[in-house]
N, C-alpha and C. Protein backbone atom coordinates (compact mmCIF):
# COMPACT_ATOMS: atom_id res chain seq x y z
N MET A 1 0.88 -1.10 -0.21
CA MET A 1 -0.33 0.41 -0.07
C MET A 1 1.22 1.02 -0.01
N ASN A 2 0.57 2.16 -0.85
CA ASN A 2 1.44 3.47 -1.02
C ASN A 2 0.49 4.62 -0.19
N LEU A 3 0.96 5.19 0.66
CA LEU A 3 0.27 6.03 1.66
C LEU A 3 1.07 7.54 0.98
N ILE A 4 0.19 8.60 0.74
CA ILE A 4 0.60 9.89 0.24
C ILE A 4 -0.09 11.12 0.90
N PHE A 5 0.94 11.43 1.68
CA PHE A 5 -0.05 12.94 2.82
C PHE A 5 0.43 14.05 2.13
N SER A 6 -0.34 14.93 2.13
CA SER A 6 -0.31 16.37 1.56
C SER A 6 -0.86 17.55 2.46
N ARG A 7 -0.50 18.50 2.48
CA ARG A 7 -1.46 19.76 3.07
C ARG A 7 -1.76 20.30 1.84
N ASP A 8 -1.09 21.44 1.31
CA ASP A 8 -1.22 22.18 0.59
C ASP A 8 -0.39 21.72 -0.92
N LYS A 9 0.71 21.25 -0.76
CA LYS A 9 1.21 20.19 -1.98
C LYS A 9 1.21 19.03 -1.91
N THR A 10 1.31 18.03 -2.79
CA THR A 10 1.68 16.39 -2.30
C THR A 10 2.97 16.30 -2.08
N LEU A 11 3.19 15.48 -1.02
CA LEU A 11 4.13 15.10 -0.40
C LEU A 11 4.23 13.96 -0.34
N ILE A 12 5.22 13.50 -1.26
CA ILE A 12 5.71 11.65 -1.50
C ILE A 12 6.80 11.53 -0.92
N SER A 13 7.19 10.90 0.59
CA SER A 13 8.23 10.71 1.08
C SER A 13 8.29 9.89 2.18
N ASP A 14 9.39 9.09 2.47
CA ASP A 14 9.86 7.87 3.60
C ASP A 14 9.91 8.77 5.03
N GLU A 15 10.11 10.27 4.69
CA GLU A 15 10.48 10.88 6.08
C GLU A 15 9.09 10.97 6.74
N PRO A 16 9.22 11.21 7.98
CA PRO A 16 7.71 11.15 8.86
C PRO A 16 6.91 12.57 8.51
N LEU A 17 5.66 12.76 8.47
CA LEU A 17 5.33 13.95 8.39
C LEU A 17 4.68 14.46 9.51
N GLU A 18 4.94 16.06 9.73
CA GLU A 18 4.64 16.40 10.14
C GLU A 18 3.57 17.29 10.00
N ILE A 19 2.50 17.02 10.98
CA ILE A 19 1.19 17.87 10.73
C ILE A 19 0.84 18.92 11.65
N ARG A 20 0.62 20.06 11.21
CA ARG A 20 0.59 21.61 12.09
C ARG A 20 -1.06 22.06 11.88
N SER A 21 -1.54 21.59 11.06
CA SER A 21 -2.81 22.13 10.90
C SER A 21 -3.88 20.99 11.18
N ASN A 22 -5.18 21.28 11.28
CA ASN A 22 -6.43 20.47 11.27
C ASN A 22 -6.94 20.02 10.06
N ARG A 23 -6.18 20.10 9.04
CA ARG A 23 -6.60 19.52 8.08
C ARG A 23 -5.62 18.32 7.14
N MET A 24 -6.13 17.39 6.83
CA MET A 24 -4.97 16.59 6.22
C MET A 24 -5.76 15.99 5.15
N THR A 25 -4.90 15.77 3.88
CA THR A 25 -5.31 15.62 2.60
C THR A 25 -4.41 14.10 2.19
N PHE A 26 -4.88 12.98 1.79
CA PHE A 26 -4.39 11.68 1.33
C PHE A 26 -4.67 11.15 0.54
N VAL A 27 -3.98 10.01 0.18
CA VAL A 27 -4.73 9.10 -1.16
C VAL A 27 -4.29 7.80 -0.62
N LEU A 28 -5.30 7.24 -0.72
CA LEU A 28 -4.88 5.68 -0.08
C LEU A 28 -5.22 5.00 -1.43
N SER A 29 -4.31 4.24 -1.70
CA SER A 29 -3.84 3.32 -3.19
C SER A 29 -3.53 1.88 -2.67
N LYS A 30 -4.29 1.22 -3.48
CA LYS A 30 -4.01 -0.56 -3.07
C LYS A 30 -4.37 -1.34 -4.17
N GLY A 31 -4.00 -2.00 -4.76
CA GLY A 31 -4.39 -3.08 -5.67
C GLY A 31 -5.44 -2.15 -6.69
N GLY A 32 -5.26 -1.26 -7.15
CA GLY A 32 -5.84 -0.72 -8.42
C GLY A 32 -7.23 0.56 -8.01
N ILE A 33 -6.95 0.63 -6.63
CA ILE A 33 -8.13 1.13 -5.94
C ILE A 33 -7.45 2.58 -5.36
N VAL A 34 -7.98 3.36 -5.67
CA VAL A 34 -7.14 4.73 -5.40
C VAL A 34 -8.44 6.01 -4.82
N GLU A 35 -8.14 6.27 -3.89
CA GLU A 35 -9.31 6.93 -3.04
C GLU A 35 -8.49 8.30 -2.42
N SER A 36 -9.06 9.51 -3.03
CA SER A 36 -8.28 10.68 -2.39
C SER A 36 -9.27 11.46 -1.09
N VAL A 37 -8.55 11.39 -0.27
CA VAL A 37 -9.79 11.80 0.90
C VAL A 37 -8.98 13.11 1.74
N ALA A 38 -9.92 14.17 1.95
CA ALA A 38 -9.41 15.24 2.73
C ALA A 38 -10.29 15.52 4.00
N VAL A 39 -9.83 15.41 5.00
CA VAL A 39 -10.63 15.72 6.61
C VAL A 39 -9.91 16.64 7.03
N ARG A 40 -11.12 17.63 7.92
CA ARG A 40 -10.85 18.41 8.75
C ARG A 40 -11.72 18.74 9.54
N ASP A 41 -11.20 18.61 10.80
CA ASP A 41 -11.81 18.69 12.32
C ASP A 41 -11.94 19.51 12.98
N HIS A 42 -12.48 20.08 14.12
CA HIS A 42 -12.08 21.74 14.87
C HIS A 42 -10.87 21.27 15.43
N THR A 43 -10.51 20.27 15.50
CA THR A 43 -9.28 20.39 16.51
C THR A 43 -8.33 19.04 15.51
N LEU A 44 -7.00 19.25 15.77
CA LEU A 44 -5.45 18.72 15.20
C LEU A 44 -6.20 17.22 15.99
N ALA A 45 -6.42 16.62 17.07
CA ALA A 45 -6.67 15.63 17.38
C ALA A 45 -7.73 14.80 16.97
N GLY A 46 -9.03 15.62 16.32
CA GLY A 46 -9.90 15.06 15.82
C GLY A 46 -10.07 14.93 14.11
N THR A 47 -8.91 15.50 13.73
CA THR A 47 -8.69 15.14 12.56
C THR A 47 -7.80 13.89 12.53
N VAL A 48 -6.84 13.61 13.35
CA VAL A 48 -6.10 12.47 13.43
C VAL A 48 -6.79 11.55 13.34
N ARG A 49 -7.65 11.50 14.25
CA ARG A 49 -8.72 10.15 14.91
C ARG A 49 -9.28 9.73 13.39
N MET A 50 -9.98 11.03 12.85
CA MET A 50 -10.75 10.51 11.81
C MET A 50 -9.85 10.05 10.71
N THR A 51 -8.79 10.38 10.62
CA THR A 51 -7.66 9.74 9.52
C THR A 51 -7.51 8.25 9.83
N ALA A 52 -6.83 8.48 10.98
CA ALA A 52 -6.62 6.70 11.19
C ALA A 52 -7.62 5.66 11.25
N ILE A 53 -9.33 6.19 11.66
CA ILE A 53 -10.25 5.37 11.30
C ILE A 53 -10.34 5.12 9.78
N LEU A 54 -10.17 6.29 8.86
CA LEU A 54 -10.51 5.83 7.38
C LEU A 54 -9.66 4.79 6.94
N MET A 55 -8.14 5.19 7.48
CA MET A 55 -6.81 4.30 7.08
C MET A 55 -7.38 2.64 7.65
N GLN A 56 -7.84 2.86 8.72
CA GLN A 56 -8.33 1.34 9.27
C GLN A 56 -9.21 0.38 8.25
N ALA A 57 -10.23 1.37 8.15
CA ALA A 57 -11.51 1.17 7.24
C ALA A 57 -10.84 0.65 5.90
N PHE A 58 -9.95 1.43 5.25
CA PHE A 58 -9.30 1.02 3.90
C PHE A 58 -8.48 -0.23 3.66
N LEU A 59 -7.86 -0.30 4.99
CA LEU A 59 -7.16 -1.45 5.46
C LEU A 59 -7.96 -2.84 5.28
N ARG A 60 -8.99 -2.71 5.95
CA ARG A 60 -9.82 -3.56 6.39
C ARG A 60 -10.44 -4.18 5.34
N ASN A 61 -11.37 -3.10 4.09
CA ASN A 61 -12.18 -3.52 3.34
C ASN A 61 -11.85 -3.02 2.11
N GLU A 62 -10.47 -2.32 1.74
CA GLU A 62 -10.10 -1.98 0.44
C GLU A 62 -10.64 -1.09 -0.19
N VAL A 63 -11.95 -0.66 0.25
CA VAL A 63 -12.82 0.50 -0.23
C VAL A 63 -13.56 1.04 0.74
N VAL A 64 -13.54 2.54 0.58
CA VAL A 64 -13.95 3.46 1.95
C VAL A 64 -15.41 3.90 1.18
N PHE A 65 -15.32 4.95 0.26
CA PHE A 65 -16.28 5.62 -0.59
C PHE A 65 -16.85 4.33 -1.99
N ARG A 66 -17.62 4.85 -1.69
CA ARG A 66 -18.78 3.91 -3.17
C ARG A 66 -19.38 4.72 -3.92
N GLU A 67 -19.88 4.68 -5.01
CA GLU A 67 -20.41 5.64 -5.56
C GLU A 67 -21.57 6.29 -5.02
N PRO A 68 -21.88 7.78 -5.12
CA PRO A 68 -21.43 8.24 -6.30
C PRO A 68 -20.40 8.96 -6.16
N THR A 69 -19.88 9.65 -7.56
CA THR A 69 -18.97 10.36 -7.58
C THR A 69 -19.24 12.12 -7.82
N PRO A 70 -19.12 13.19 -7.26
CA PRO A 70 -17.83 12.72 -5.84
C PRO A 70 -18.56 12.20 -4.91
N PRO A 71 -18.08 11.52 -3.76
CA PRO A 71 -18.13 10.57 -2.86
C PRO A 71 -18.82 11.23 -2.02
N ASP A 72 -19.78 10.74 -0.99
CA ASP A 72 -20.83 11.13 -0.23
C ASP A 72 -19.96 11.22 1.18
N PHE A 73 -19.09 12.09 1.78
CA PHE A 73 -18.33 11.85 2.84
C PHE A 73 -19.07 11.29 4.10
N LEU A 74 -20.09 11.80 4.22
CA LEU A 74 -20.83 12.00 5.16
C LEU A 74 -21.43 10.28 5.52
N ALA A 75 -21.96 9.50 4.58
CA ALA A 75 -22.37 8.39 4.20
C ALA A 75 -20.93 7.21 4.50
N ALA A 76 -20.09 7.65 3.83
CA ALA A 76 -18.99 6.94 4.09
C ALA A 76 -18.38 6.98 5.45
N TRP A 77 -18.28 8.16 5.99
CA TRP A 77 -17.85 8.02 7.62
C TRP A 77 -18.76 7.61 8.35
N GLN A 78 -20.41 7.65 8.27
CA GLN A 78 -21.38 6.71 9.35
C GLN A 78 -20.88 5.49 9.12
N ARG A 79 -20.77 5.25 8.00
CA ARG A 79 -20.87 3.21 7.83
C ARG A 79 -19.33 2.89 8.19
N VAL A 80 -18.01 3.69 8.19
CA VAL A 80 -16.89 3.25 8.72
C VAL A 80 -16.69 3.54 10.02
N ALA A 81 -17.14 4.53 10.33
CA ALA A 81 -17.06 5.08 11.89
C ALA A 81 -17.77 4.26 12.97
N SER A 82 -19.06 3.80 12.66
CA SER A 82 -19.76 2.98 13.72
C SER A 82 -19.17 2.10 14.64
N PRO A 83 -17.93 1.13 14.16
CA PRO A 83 -17.60 0.39 15.14
C PRO A 83 -16.62 1.13 16.07
N TYR A 84 -16.38 2.52 16.13
CA TYR A 84 -15.62 3.35 16.79
C TYR A 84 -16.17 4.17 17.83
N GLU A 85 -17.31 4.57 17.56
CA GLU A 85 -18.15 5.43 17.94
C GLU A 85 -18.12 5.40 19.58
N ASP A 86 -17.90 4.31 20.35
CA ASP A 86 -18.04 4.25 21.82
C ASP A 86 -16.51 4.69 22.32
N THR A 87 -15.34 4.69 21.40
CA THR A 87 -14.25 4.68 21.64
C THR A 87 -13.44 6.06 21.92
């Protein structure tokens, strides 16, 4: 799996990523499935939590967003985050 993180510009690097804002944009790519996701929450902690949940869902299921295009983020979030709502 390739994981590409970006803030304003795309960053492709093996170096650790330092996040200094409450917004993350990333691309998940695995086996021909490519998903571009932008996550923004009110706090950095919330953004990191949402990002981690979306990554885990992608690794488990290989697809987070389904049709239509553009993806319905709320529907996808409700589907993939439900196992984590009590944590």
